[in-house]
Amino acid sequence: MMRELLRPNTFIRAAKKYVRRQQYKADEIKSTLELLSENVFDSRLKAHKLKGELENSWA
């Protein structure tokens, strides 16, 4: 199931700034976002539950 990723303006600005500084990372970011939209719990993303105040969230 493909998920729609929300990309707030703050993310877009930060990603553009990051890629300007490290252009070789652009393809890595693109592939990670594609992987994230396909399968949030893919082992390559290293998803894990958070503890404490963010107990019901995932990183």
PDB file of N, CA and C in Angstrom:
ATOM      1  N   MET A   1       0.842  -1.179   0.000  1.00  0.00           N
ATOM      2  CA  MET A   1       0.000   0.000   0.000  1.00  0.00           C
ATOM      3  C   MET A   1       0.890   1.245   0.000  1.00  0.00           C
ATOM      4  N   MET A   2       0.705   2.079  -0.991  1.00  0.00           N
ATOM      5  CA  MET A   2       1.464   3.321  -1.060  1.00  0.00           C
ATOM      6  C   MET A   2       0.824   4.350  -0.141  1.00  0.00           C
ATOM      7  N   ARG A   3       1.646   5.012   0.625  1.00  0.00           N
ATOM      8  CA  ARG A   3       1.165   6.066   1.522  1.00  0.00           C
ATOM      9  C   ARG A   3       1.513   7.412   0.919  1.00  0.00           C
ATOM     10  N   GLU A   4       0.679   8.375   1.203  1.00  0.00           N
ATOM     11  CA  GLU A   4       0.962   9.725   0.749  1.00  0.00           C
ATOM     12  C   GLU A   4       1.771  10.419   1.840  1.00  0.00           C
ATOM     13  N   LEU A   5       2.942  10.891   1.483  1.00  0.00           N
ATOM     14  CA  LEU A   5       3.777  11.587   2.444  1.00  0.00           C
ATOM     15  C   LEU A   5       3.431  13.065   2.447  1.00  0.00           C
ATOM     16  N   LEU A   6       3.243  13.600   3.617  1.00  0.00           N
ATOM     17  CA  LEU A   6       3.015  15.035   3.746  1.00  0.00           C
ATOM     18  C   LEU A   6       4.372  15.708   3.860  1.00  0.00           C
ATOM     19  N   ARG A   7       4.566  16.715   3.048  1.00  0.00           N
ATOM     20  CA  ARG A   7       5.850  17.420   3.054  1.00  0.00           C
ATOM     21  C   ARG A   7       5.602  18.881   3.397  1.00  0.00           C
ATOM     22  N   PRO A   8       5.650  19.220   4.679  1.00  0.00           N
ATOM     23  CA  PRO A   8       5.427  20.614   5.056  1.00  0.00           C
ATOM     24  C   PRO A   8       6.535  21.512   4.491  1.00  0.00           C
ATOM     25  N   ASN A   9       6.236  22.788   4.401  1.00  0.00           N
ATOM     26  CA  ASN A   9       7.205  23.740   3.851  1.00  0.00           C
ATOM     27  C   ASN A   9       8.526  23.718   4.608  1.00  0.00           C
ATOM     28  N   THR A  10       8.475  23.500   5.916  1.00  0.00           N
ATOM     29  CA  THR A  10       9.715  23.472   6.693  1.00  0.00           C
ATOM     30  C   THR A  10      10.599  22.310   6.257  1.00  0.00           C
ATOM     31  N   PHE A  11       9.985  21.159   5.957  1.00  0.00           N
ATOM     32  CA  PHE A  11      10.758  20.016   5.482  1.00  0.00           C
ATOM     33  C   PHE A  11      11.374  20.310   4.124  1.00  0.00           C
ATOM     34  N   ILE A  12      10.589  20.871   3.226  1.00  0.00           N
ATOM     35  CA  ILE A  12      11.080  21.166   1.879  1.00  0.00           C
ATOM     36  C   ILE A  12      12.251  22.132   1.927  1.00  0.00           C
ATOM     37  N   ARG A  13      12.124  23.185   2.729  1.00  0.00           N
ATOM     38  CA  ARG A  13      13.224  24.158   2.848  1.00  0.00           C
ATOM     39  C   ARG A  13      14.472  23.511   3.425  1.00  0.00           C
ATOM     40  N   ALA A  14      14.298  22.703   4.470  1.00  0.00           N
ATOM     41  CA  ALA A  14      15.448  22.051   5.099  1.00  0.00           C
ATOM     42  C   ALA A  14      16.112  21.063   4.147  1.00  0.00           C
ATOM     43  N   ALA A  15      15.316  20.321   3.389  1.00  0.00           N
ATOM     44  CA  ALA A  15      15.868  19.349   2.439  1.00  0.00           C
ATOM     45  C   ALA A  15      16.642  20.053   1.329  1.00  0.00           C
ATOM     46  N   LYS A  16      16.098  21.141   0.812  1.00  0.00           N
ATOM     47  CA  LYS A  16      16.799  21.896  -0.230  1.00  0.00           C
ATOM     48  C   LYS A  16      18.129  22.439   0.286  1.00  0.00           C
ATOM     49  N   LYS A  17      18.120  22.957   1.485  1.00  0.00           N
ATOM     50  CA  LYS A  17      19.341  23.496   2.087  1.00  0.00           C
ATOM     51  C   LYS A  17      20.376  22.386   2.278  1.00  0.00           C
ATOM     52  N   TYR A  18      19.919  21.240   2.740  1.00  0.00           N
ATOM     53  CA  TYR A  18      20.805  20.094   2.962  1.00  0.00           C
ATOM     54  C   TYR A  18      21.421  19.614   1.653  1.00  0.00           C
ATOM     55  N   VAL A  19      20.592  19.520   0.621  1.00  0.00           N
ATOM     56  CA  VAL A  19      21.071  19.031  -0.676  1.00  0.00           C
ATOM     57  C   VAL A  19      22.025  20.037  -1.317  1.00  0.00           C
ATOM     58  N   ARG A  20      21.791  21.333  -1.104  1.00  0.00           N
ATOM     59  CA  ARG A  20      22.719  22.334  -1.639  1.00  0.00           C
ATOM     60  C   ARG A  20      24.120  22.139  -1.065  1.00  0.00           C
ATOM     61  N   ARG A  21      24.183  21.780   0.208  1.00  0.00           N
ATOM     62  CA  ARG A  21      25.476  21.583   0.868  1.00  0.00           C
ATOM     63  C   ARG A  21      26.090  20.228   0.538  1.00  0.00           C
ATOM     64  N   GLN A  22      25.255  19.218   0.385  1.00  0.00           N
ATOM     65  CA  GLN A  22      25.731  17.851   0.149  1.00  0.00           C
ATOM     66  C   GLN A  22      24.950  17.237  -1.008  1.00  0.00           C
ATOM     67  N   GLN A  23      25.309  17.624  -2.221  1.00  0.00           N
ATOM     68  CA  GLN A  23      24.551  17.211  -3.404  1.00  0.00           C
ATOM     69  C   GLN A  23      24.550  15.702  -3.603  1.00  0.00           C
ATOM     70  N   TYR A  24      25.581  15.029  -3.151  1.00  0.00           N
ATOM     71  CA  TYR A  24      25.657  13.577  -3.339  1.00  0.00           C
ATOM     72  C   TYR A  24      24.612  12.837  -2.512  1.00  0.00           C
ATOM     73  N   LYS A  25      23.967  13.481  -1.575  1.00  0.00           N
ATOM     74  CA  LYS A  25      22.947  12.845  -0.737  1.00  0.00           C
ATOM     75  C   LYS A  25      21.543  12.931  -1.337  1.00  0.00           C
ATOM     76  N   ALA A  26      21.363  13.652  -2.427  1.00  0.00           N
ATOM     77  CA  ALA A  26      20.035  13.857  -3.011  1.00  0.00           C
ATOM     78  C   ALA A  26      19.376  12.532  -3.392  1.00  0.00           C
ATOM     79  N   ASP A  27      20.114  11.640  -4.038  1.00  0.00           N
ATOM     80  CA  ASP A  27      19.539  10.347  -4.440  1.00  0.00           C
ATOM     81  C   ASP A  27      19.183   9.500  -3.226  1.00  0.00           C
ATOM     82  N   GLU A  28      19.995   9.588  -2.185  1.00  0.00           N
ATOM     83  CA  GLU A  28      19.730   8.824  -0.961  1.00  0.00           C
ATOM     84  C   GLU A  28      18.444   9.304  -0.295  1.00  0.00           C
ATOM     85  N   ILE A  29      18.240  10.608  -0.266  1.00  0.00           N
ATOM     86  CA  ILE A  29      17.022  11.166   0.321  1.00  0.00           C
ATOM     87  C   ILE A  29      15.807  10.730  -0.487  1.00  0.00           C
ATOM     88  N   LYS A  30      15.910  10.797  -1.800  1.00  0.00           N
ATOM     89  CA  LYS A  30      14.802  10.400  -2.672  1.00  0.00           C
ATOM     90  C   LYS A  30      14.443   8.932  -2.480  1.00  0.00           C
ATOM     91  N   SER A  31      15.443   8.068  -2.426  1.00  0.00           N
ATOM     92  CA  SER A  31      15.164   6.639  -2.259  1.00  0.00           C
ATOM     93  C   SER A  31      14.583   6.340  -0.880  1.00  0.00           C
ATOM     94  N   THR A  32      15.026   7.060   0.142  1.00  0.00           N
ATOM     95  CA  THR A  32      14.487   6.863   1.485  1.00  0.00           C
ATOM     96  C   THR A  32      13.021   7.278   1.546  1.00  0.00           C
ATOM     97  N   LEU A  33      12.680   8.395   0.911  1.00  0.00           N
ATOM     98  CA  LEU A  33      11.285   8.842   0.899  1.00  0.00           C
ATOM     99  C   LEU A  33      10.404   7.875   0.127  1.00  0.00           C
ATOM    100  N   GLU A  34      10.910   7.326  -0.964  1.00  0.00           N
ATOM    101  CA  GLU A  34      10.146   6.334  -1.722  1.00  0.00           C
ATOM    102  C   GLU A  34       9.927   5.072  -0.900  1.00  0.00           C
ATOM    103  N   LEU A  35      10.969   4.634  -0.206  1.00  0.00           N
ATOM    104  CA  LEU A  35      10.871   3.455   0.648  1.00  0.00           C
ATOM    105  C   LEU A  35       9.874   3.698   1.776  1.00  0.00           C
ATOM    106  N   LEU A  36       9.905   4.877   2.325  1.00  0.00           N
ATOM    107  CA  LEU A  36       8.997   5.241   3.405  1.00  0.00           C
ATOM    108  C   LEU A  36       7.549   5.220   2.933  1.00  0.00           C
ATOM    109  N   SER A  37       7.301   5.683   1.726  1.00  0.00           N
ATOM    110  CA  SER A  37       5.924   5.688   1.220  1.00  0.00           C
ATOM    111  C   SER A  37       5.436   4.274   0.896  1.00  0.00           C
ATOM    112  N   GLU A  38       6.354   3.366   0.559  1.00  0.00           N
ATOM    113  CA  GLU A  38       5.976   1.991   0.242  1.00  0.00           C
ATOM    114  C   GLU A  38       5.753   1.147   1.486  1.00  0.00           C
ATOM    115  N   ASN A  39       6.684   1.227   2.456  1.00  0.00           N
ATOM    116  CA  ASN A  39       6.609   0.383   3.648  1.00  0.00           C
ATOM    117  C   ASN A  39       7.280   1.100   4.814  1.00  0.00           C
ATOM    118  N   VAL A  40       6.470   1.611   5.707  1.00  0.00           N
ATOM    119  CA  VAL A  40       6.973   2.387   6.845  1.00  0.00           C
ATOM    120  C   VAL A  40       7.870   1.551   7.756  1.00  0.00           C
ATOM    121  N   PHE A  41       7.601   0.250   7.828  1.00  0.00           N
ATOM    122  CA  PHE A  41       8.333  -0.605   8.758  1.00  0.00           C
ATOM    123  C   PHE A  41       9.422  -1.432   8.083  1.00  0.00           C
ATOM    124  N   ASP A  42       9.901  -1.002   6.941  1.00  0.00           N
ATOM    125  CA  ASP A  42      11.000  -1.688   6.261  1.00  0.00           C
ATOM    126  C   ASP A  42      12.224  -1.677   7.186  1.00  0.00           C
ATOM    127  N   SER A  43      12.930  -2.775   7.254  1.00  0.00           N
ATOM    128  CA  SER A  43      14.064  -2.891   8.183  1.00  0.00           C
ATOM    129  C   SER A  43      15.182  -1.893   7.876  1.00  0.00           C
ATOM    130  N   ARG A  44      15.281  -1.465   6.634  1.00  0.00           N
ATOM    131  CA  ARG A  44      16.324  -0.488   6.274  1.00  0.00           C
ATOM    132  C   ARG A  44      16.074   0.888   6.885  1.00  0.00           C
ATOM    133  N   LEU A  45      14.832   1.159   7.272  1.00  0.00           N
ATOM    134  CA  LEU A  45      14.494   2.442   7.885  1.00  0.00           C
ATOM    135  C   LEU A  45      14.735   2.440   9.392  1.00  0.00           C
ATOM    136  N   LYS A  46      14.897   1.270   9.966  1.00  0.00           N
ATOM    137  CA  LYS A  46      15.170   1.116  11.406  1.00  0.00           C
ATOM    138  C   LYS A  46      14.104   1.796  12.269  1.00  0.00           C
ATOM    139  N   ALA A  47      12.837   1.565  11.927  1.00  0.00           N
ATOM    140  CA  ALA A  47      11.730   2.132  12.699  1.00  0.00           C
ATOM    141  C   ALA A  47      11.680   1.486  14.081  1.00  0.00           C
ATOM    142  N   HIS A  48      11.375   2.299  15.083  1.00  0.00           N
ATOM    143  CA  HIS A  48      11.286   1.781  16.449  1.00  0.00           C
ATOM    144  C   HIS A  48      10.326   2.639  17.265  1.00  0.00           C
ATOM    145  N   LYS A  49       9.735   2.022  18.282  1.00  0.00           N
ATOM    146  CA  LYS A  49       8.826   2.739  19.170  1.00  0.00           C
ATOM    147  C   LYS A  49       9.632   3.669  20.069  1.00  0.00           C
ATOM    148  N   LEU A  50       9.011   4.797  20.394  1.00  0.00           N
ATOM    149  CA  LEU A  50       9.649   5.741  21.302  1.00  0.00           C
ATOM    150  C   LEU A  50       9.131   5.522  22.714  1.00  0.00           C
ATOM    151  N   LYS A  51       9.887   6.017  23.660  1.00  0.00           N
ATOM    152  CA  LYS A  51       9.523   5.875  25.073  1.00  0.00           C
ATOM    153  C   LYS A  51       9.307   7.251  25.685  1.00  0.00           C
ATOM    154  N   GLY A  52       8.820   7.275  26.911  1.00  0.00           N
ATOM    155  CA  GLY A  52       8.644   8.528  27.619  1.00  0.00           C
ATOM    156  C   GLY A  52       7.415   9.282  27.143  1.00  0.00           C
ATOM    157  N   GLU A  53       7.546  10.596  26.979  1.00  0.00           N
ATOM    158  CA  GLU A  53       6.415  11.432  26.583  1.00  0.00           C
ATOM    159  C   GLU A  53       5.874  11.082  25.201  1.00  0.00           C
ATOM    160  N   LEU A  54       6.710  10.543  24.342  1.00  0.00           N
ATOM    161  CA  LEU A  54       6.301  10.198  22.981  1.00  0.00           C
ATOM    162  C   LEU A  54       6.026   8.698  22.851  1.00  0.00           C
ATOM    163  N   GLU A  55       5.523   8.110  23.906  1.00  0.00           N
ATOM    164  CA  GLU A  55       5.350   6.669  24.031  1.00  0.00           C
ATOM    165  C   GLU A  55       4.564   6.023  22.879  1.00  0.00           C
ATOM    166  N   ASN A  56       3.550   6.680  22.374  1.00  0.00           N
ATOM    167  CA  ASN A  56       2.716   6.088  21.331  1.00  0.00           C
ATOM    168  C   ASN A  56       3.172   6.457  19.931  1.00  0.00           C
ATOM    169  N   SER A  57       4.382   6.936  19.786  1.00  0.00           N
ATOM    170  CA  SER A  57       4.911   7.365  18.484  1.00  0.00           C
ATOM    171  C   SER A  57       6.029   6.461  18.029  1.00  0.00           C
ATOM    172  N   TRP A  58       6.337   6.568  16.759  1.00  0.00           N
ATOM    173  CA  TRP A  58       7.435   5.806  16.161  1.00  0.00           C
ATOM    174  C   TRP A  58       8.458   6.766  15.570  1.00  0.00           C
ATOM    175  N   ALA A  59       9.695   6.342  15.558  1.00  0.00           N
ATOM    176  CA  ALA A  59      10.770   7.130  14.920  1.00  0.00           C
ATOM    177  C   ALA A  59      11.363   6.307  13.799  1.00  0.00           C
TER     178      ALA A  59
END
